Amino acid sequence: MKPAERRRAILDLLETHGEKSVEELARIFGVSQVTIRNDLADLEARGLVQRTYGGAVPVRKVLFNPSFEEKKRHRLDAKRAIALRALEEVREGDALILDAGSTTLILAGFLKGRFRKLFVLTNSIPVALELQGSGLEVLVLGGQMRHHSLALIGPATVRTLSWYRADKAFLGATGVDSKGFSTPNPLEAETKRAMVEAAGKAYVLADSTKLNQPTLARFASLEEAVLVTDAEAEPQVLRALEAAGARVWVADFPLTGAKKSRSVPAPRAGEGGKGHEEGD
């Protein structure tokens, strides 16, 4: 793990748990206490944590994570295209799980006015507010709130999910690589894992900047969910993911009202890969 990635993960842990000792962090990340002290010194210099005797606590000003409003605006066209492709999988009467995230929030907005009968389980306060007044049934999963994303995660969320069975789950991911789908926060990974297990089908909505970007905690293998990404994904990256077992749908940017689907070009001689499966 690169130092910058480890420091982001440390920050996520501190944000979730409030305080961690140097000894605990060294054990979690499999590095020396000297390395952790250097990481904490760097984070403190950035104004992100405050060091304590033997550990650190977070400063509630997380510069590594853009505000939720900034995330919503980032690559908006790609996220809208991905959400529209995901929308095609929803059927009247479905029970859905909507994970926290900017793309799933856009999907929630598309559900309004298109369906009269859906049961939506979500761990996202913004998604719940988006569906307010839609006439759809919404169940907000309890749990510990992450302040920068307004997501509910942790044991209470996982326990609640175990009581339900949904038709489909739509999730976000920070990283996608040949090992699977991942996120920097272990508690968030446990929550996402419970969502995958609670659903008949799972779809990970991840724009092309997330591909080939593994993060700390894996929550599903490539075979366990359909990857829905955007048309700016590199064909060779998609072919490598498919060769590793991924089922990939590419959503074109909606230039007109027509729905389009793009195939990944066939591999050149000597290259592997199964070729892209078009969305149905």
Protein backbone atom coordinates (compact mmCIF):
# COMPACT_ATOMS: atom_id res chain seq x y z
CA MET A 1 0.00 0.00 0.00
CA LYS A 2 1.33 3.42 -0.94
CA PRO A 3 1.83 5.97 1.86
CA ALA A 4 -0.88 8.32 0.51
CA GLU A 5 -3.41 5.47 0.35
CA ARG A 6 -2.49 4.28 3.86
CA ARG A 7 -2.88 7.81 5.22
CA ARG A 8 -6.34 8.12 3.65
CA ALA A 9 -7.27 4.80 5.25
CA ILE A 10 -5.91 5.94 8.62
CA LEU A 11 -7.99 9.08 8.34
CA ASP A 12 -11.11 7.03 7.57
CA LEU A 13 -10.50 4.82 10.61
CA LEU A 14 -10.00 7.80 12.88
CA GLU A 15 -13.14 9.44 11.52
CA THR A 16 -15.14 6.26 12.23
CA HIS A 17 -13.69 5.32 15.62
CA GLY A 18 -12.66 8.73 16.98
CA GLU A 19 -9.23 7.66 18.24
CA LYS A 20 -6.66 4.97 17.55
CA SER A 21 -3.29 4.25 19.13
CA VAL A 22 -0.07 4.03 17.18
CA GLU A 23 0.20 0.38 18.22
CA GLU A 24 -3.28 -0.45 16.88
CA LEU A 25 -2.66 1.32 13.58
CA ALA A 26 0.67 -0.43 13.10
CA ARG A 27 -1.02 -3.79 13.64
CA ILE A 28 -3.94 -3.00 11.30
CA PHE A 29 -1.73 -1.86 8.42
CA GLY A 30 1.14 -4.26 8.99
CA VAL A 31 3.82 -1.58 9.24
CA SER A 32 6.14 -0.37 11.97
CA GLN A 33 5.14 2.11 14.66
CA VAL A 34 7.79 4.47 13.28
CA THR A 35 6.00 4.44 9.90
CA ILE A 36 2.66 5.17 11.59
CA ARG A 37 4.16 8.05 13.57
CA ASN A 38 5.47 9.50 10.31
CA ASP A 39 2.00 9.11 8.75
CA LEU A 40 0.37 10.86 11.71
CA ALA A 41 2.95 13.64 11.61
CA ASP A 42 2.13 14.20 7.93
CA LEU A 43 -1.64 14.21 8.62
CA GLU A 44 -1.18 16.59 11.55
CA ALA A 45 0.89 18.95 9.38
CA ARG A 46 -2.04 19.02 6.94
CA GLY A 47 -4.45 19.88 9.73
CA LEU A 48 -6.34 16.59 9.44
CA VAL A 49 -5.57 14.96 12.79
CA GLN A 50 -4.48 15.96 16.24
CA ARG A 51 -1.86 13.73 17.82
CA THR A 52 -2.45 12.52 21.36
CA TYR A 53 -0.28 10.59 23.80
CA GLY A 54 0.32 7.32 21.95
CA GLY A 55 -2.17 7.94 19.15
CA ALA A 56 -4.31 10.46 17.28
CA VAL A 57 -7.85 11.83 16.92
CA PRO A 58 -9.41 13.32 13.78
CA VAL A 59 -9.90 17.00 13.12
CA ARG A 60 -13.37 17.46 11.63
CA LYS A 61 -12.08 18.98 8.42
CA VAL A 62 -11.32 16.15 6.01
CA LEU A 63 -9.34 17.50 3.07
CA PHE A 64 -8.70 14.09 1.53
CA ASN A 65 -12.43 13.61 0.98
CA PRO A 66 -14.20 16.29 -1.04
CA SER A 67 -17.50 17.46 0.39
CA PHE A 68 -20.54 15.51 -0.72
CA GLU A 69 -21.68 18.45 -2.84
CA GLU A 70 -18.31 18.47 -4.64
CA LYS A 71 -18.55 14.72 -5.24
CA LYS A 72 -22.02 15.15 -6.73
CA ARG A 73 -20.66 17.64 -9.29
CA HIS A 74 -17.52 15.66 -10.17
CA ARG A 75 -17.89 13.83 -13.53
CA LEU A 76 -21.62 14.47 -13.46
CA ASP A 77 -22.23 13.40 -17.08
CA ALA A 78 -20.53 10.05 -16.49
CA LYS A 79 -22.47 9.45 -13.29
CA ARG A 80 -25.77 10.31 -14.98
CA ALA A 81 -25.00 7.88 -17.81
CA ILE A 82 -24.17 5.12 -15.32
CA ALA A 83 -27.31 5.81 -13.29
CA LEU A 84 -29.48 5.73 -16.44
CA ARG A 85 -28.00 2.35 -17.40
CA ALA A 86 -28.69 1.03 -13.90
CA LEU A 87 -32.24 2.36 -14.10
CA GLU A 88 -32.93 -0.05 -16.96
CA GLU A 89 -32.60 -2.95 -14.51
CA VAL A 90 -35.33 -1.72 -12.14
CA ARG A 91 -38.83 -3.21 -12.42
CA GLU A 92 -42.14 -2.13 -10.89
CA GLY A 93 -42.57 -3.82 -7.51
CA ASP A 94 -38.85 -4.40 -6.91
CA ALA A 95 -37.26 -4.26 -3.49
CA LEU A 96 -34.02 -2.31 -3.92
CA ILE A 97 -30.96 -1.54 -1.84
CA LEU A 98 -29.37 1.83 -2.61
CA ASP A 99 -25.92 2.36 -1.16
CA ALA A 100 -24.60 5.78 -0.17
CA GLY A 101 -22.82 7.69 -2.91
CA SER A 102 -23.20 10.39 -5.53
CA THR A 103 -24.12 8.03 -8.40
CA THR A 104 -26.70 6.11 -6.37
CA LEU A 105 -28.16 9.48 -5.35
CA ILE A 106 -28.62 10.34 -9.03
CA LEU A 107 -30.26 6.93 -9.55
CA ALA A 108 -32.66 7.67 -6.69
CA GLY A 109 -33.69 10.88 -8.45
CA PHE A 110 -34.42 8.90 -11.64
CA LEU A 111 -36.73 6.54 -9.72
CA LYS A 112 -39.10 9.36 -8.80
CA GLY A 113 -42.05 9.66 -11.16
CA ARG A 114 -41.06 6.52 -13.10
CA PHE A 115 -42.30 3.95 -10.60
CA ARG A 116 -45.32 3.77 -8.33
CA LYS A 117 -44.39 0.72 -6.27
CA LEU A 118 -40.86 0.16 -5.04
CA PHE A 119 -39.47 -0.72 -1.61
CA VAL A 120 -36.11 1.02 -1.12
CA LEU A 121 -33.66 0.22 1.66
CA THR A 122 -30.84 2.71 1.99
CA ASN A 123 -28.01 3.65 4.32
CA SER A 124 -27.80 7.12 2.74
CA ILE A 125 -29.50 10.12 4.33
CA PRO A 126 -29.28 12.11 1.03
CA VAL A 127 -30.96 9.22 -0.86
CA ALA A 128 -33.75 9.06 1.72
CA LEU A 129 -34.31 12.82 1.44
CA GLU A 130 -34.24 12.61 -2.37
CA LEU A 131 -37.08 10.05 -2.27
CA GLN A 132 -39.13 12.08 0.19
CA GLY A 133 -42.59 12.70 -1.25
CA SER A 134 -42.06 10.20 -4.11
CA GLY A 135 -44.74 7.82 -2.89
CA LEU A 136 -42.20 4.99 -2.77
CA GLU A 137 -41.66 3.03 0.42
CA VAL A 138 -38.30 3.89 1.97
CA LEU A 139 -36.58 2.20 4.89
CA VAL A 140 -33.53 3.97 6.29
CA LEU A 141 -31.01 1.53 7.74
CA GLY A 142 -29.67 2.53 11.12
CA GLY A 143 -26.01 2.78 11.97
CA GLN A 144 -23.08 5.07 12.67
CA MET A 145 -23.09 8.19 10.50
CA ARG A 146 -20.04 9.19 8.48
CA HIS A 147 -20.07 12.95 8.61
CA HIS A 148 -18.59 13.79 5.21
CA SER A 149 -20.87 11.43 3.22
CA LEU A 150 -23.92 11.13 5.52
CA ALA A 151 -23.72 7.35 5.11
CA LEU A 152 -24.84 4.98 7.87
CA ILE A 153 -22.45 2.06 8.41
CA GLY A 154 -21.35 -0.46 11.00
CA PRO A 155 -22.74 -3.41 12.97
CA ALA A 156 -26.24 -1.96 13.39
CA THR A 157 -26.54 -1.46 9.62
CA VAL A 158 -25.27 -4.97 8.91
CA ARG A 159 -27.67 -6.47 11.45
CA THR A 160 -30.66 -4.67 9.94
CA LEU A 161 -29.71 -5.79 6.42
CA SER A 162 -29.70 -9.41 7.61
CA TRP A 163 -33.45 -9.18 8.20
CA TYR A 164 -34.28 -8.33 4.58
CA ARG A 165 -34.03 -9.81 1.10
CA ALA A 166 -33.95 -7.40 -1.84
CA ASP A 167 -34.24 -8.07 -5.55
CA LYS A 168 -31.33 -5.82 -6.50
CA ALA A 169 -28.61 -3.79 -4.81
CA PHE A 170 -26.90 -0.78 -6.38
CA LEU A 171 -23.60 0.05 -4.71
CA GLY A 172 -20.72 2.45 -5.06
CA ALA A 173 -17.02 1.57 -4.87
CA THR A 174 -13.85 3.58 -4.42
CA GLY A 175 -11.71 1.01 -6.18
CA VAL A 176 -12.09 -1.76 -8.78
CA ASP A 177 -9.30 -4.12 -9.78
CA SER A 178 -8.74 -7.77 -10.65
CA LYS A 179 -9.26 -8.77 -7.00
CA GLY A 180 -12.70 -7.19 -6.78
CA PHE A 181 -14.53 -4.11 -5.51
CA SER A 182 -13.14 -2.14 -2.58
CA THR A 183 -13.40 0.89 -0.32
CA PRO A 184 -10.88 2.51 2.07
CA ASN A 185 -13.04 2.04 5.17
CA PRO A 186 -13.33 -1.47 6.71
CA LEU A 187 -16.68 -0.72 8.40
CA GLU A 188 -18.04 0.59 5.12
CA ALA A 189 -16.78 -2.58 3.42
CA GLU A 190 -18.66 -4.73 5.93
CA THR A 191 -21.84 -2.77 5.22
CA LYS A 192 -21.44 -3.11 1.46
CA ARG A 193 -20.73 -6.84 1.87
CA ALA A 194 -24.00 -7.23 3.77
CA MET A 195 -25.81 -5.43 0.93
CA VAL A 196 -24.39 -7.84 -1.65
CA GLU A 197 -25.48 -10.81 0.48
CA ALA A 198 -28.97 -9.38 1.02
CA ALA A 199 -29.71 -8.95 -2.70
CA GLY A 200 -30.56 -11.35 -5.49
CA LYS A 201 -28.43 -9.31 -7.91
CA ALA A 202 -25.78 -6.69 -7.21
CA TYR A 203 -24.54 -3.86 -9.42
CA VAL A 204 -21.53 -1.68 -8.66
CA LEU A 205 -21.81 1.81 -10.16
CA ALA A 206 -18.26 3.07 -10.60
CA ASP A 207 -17.03 5.67 -13.05
CA SER A 208 -13.89 4.99 -15.06
CA THR A 209 -11.59 6.89 -12.66
CA LYS A 210 -12.16 4.10 -10.10
CA LEU A 211 -10.86 1.31 -12.36
CA ASN A 212 -7.44 -0.18 -11.60
CA GLN A 213 -7.51 1.70 -8.29
CA PRO A 214 -7.57 -0.88 -5.45
CA THR A 215 -8.21 0.39 -1.93
CA LEU A 216 -7.85 -1.09 1.54
CA ALA A 217 -10.96 -3.22 2.15
CA ARG A 218 -12.51 -5.51 -0.47
CA PHE A 219 -16.26 -6.14 -0.15
CA ALA A 220 -17.01 -8.33 -3.19
CA SER A 221 -15.27 -10.34 -5.88
CA LEU A 222 -15.72 -9.39 -9.54
CA GLU A 223 -18.04 -12.36 -10.08
CA GLU A 224 -20.46 -11.23 -7.37
CA ALA A 225 -21.65 -8.00 -9.00
CA VAL A 226 -22.08 -6.40 -12.42
CA LEU A 227 -19.75 -3.46 -12.97
CA VAL A 228 -21.50 -0.48 -14.59
CA THR A 229 -19.02 2.14 -15.75
CA ASP A 230 -18.77 4.93 -18.32
CA ALA A 231 -17.57 5.18 -21.91
CA GLU A 232 -14.27 6.84 -20.99
CA ALA A 233 -12.96 3.58 -19.55
CA GLU A 234 -9.89 2.31 -21.38
CA PRO A 235 -10.77 -0.79 -23.46
CA GLN A 236 -7.65 -2.65 -22.33
CA VAL A 237 -8.60 -2.04 -18.69
CA LEU A 238 -12.09 -3.42 -19.29
CA ARG A 239 -10.71 -6.46 -21.09
CA ALA A 240 -8.35 -7.16 -18.20
CA LEU A 241 -11.23 -6.94 -15.72
CA GLU A 242 -13.35 -9.25 -17.84
CA ALA A 243 -10.48 -11.71 -18.10
CA ALA A 244 -10.38 -11.67 -14.28
CA GLY A 245 -14.09 -12.57 -14.13
CA ALA A 246 -15.93 -9.25 -14.29
CA ARG A 247 -19.21 -8.73 -16.09
CA VAL A 248 -18.95 -5.18 -17.45
CA TRP A 249 -21.60 -2.83 -18.80
CA VAL A 250 -20.44 0.42 -20.39
CA ALA A 251 -22.87 3.35 -20.33
CA ASP A 252 -22.48 5.88 -23.15
CA PHE A 253 -22.99 9.54 -22.40
CA PRO A 254 -26.58 10.41 -23.36
CA LEU A 255 -26.01 12.84 -26.24
CA THR A 256 -29.61 12.42 -27.33
CA GLY A 257 -32.69 10.88 -25.85
CA ALA A 258 -31.81 7.51 -27.38
CA LYS A 259 -30.30 4.75 -25.30
CA LYS A 260 -26.95 3.54 -26.55
CA SER A 261 -24.57 0.79 -25.62
CA ARG A 262 -20.92 0.51 -26.57
CA SER A 263 -18.86 -2.60 -27.05
CA VAL A 264 -15.23 -2.86 -26.07
CA PRO A 265 -13.13 -3.34 -29.23
CA ALA A 266 -11.95 -6.88 -29.77
CA PRO A 267 -8.44 -7.54 -28.45
CA ARG A 268 -5.57 -7.39 -30.89
CA ALA A 269 -3.61 -10.51 -31.70
CA GLY A 270 -1.82 -11.77 -28.63
CA GLU A 271 -4.18 -10.00 -26.18
CA GLY A 272 -6.56 -11.86 -23.94
CA GLY A 273 -10.09 -11.01 -22.87
CA LYS A 274 -13.63 -12.13 -23.53
CA GLY A 275 -14.86 -8.92 -25.11
CA HIS A 276 -17.40 -6.55 -23.58
CA GLU A 277 -20.92 -7.76 -22.92
CA GLU A 278 -23.45 -5.19 -24.10
CA GLY A 279 -26.10 -4.07 -21.68
CA ASP A 280 -29.49 -5.65 -22.34
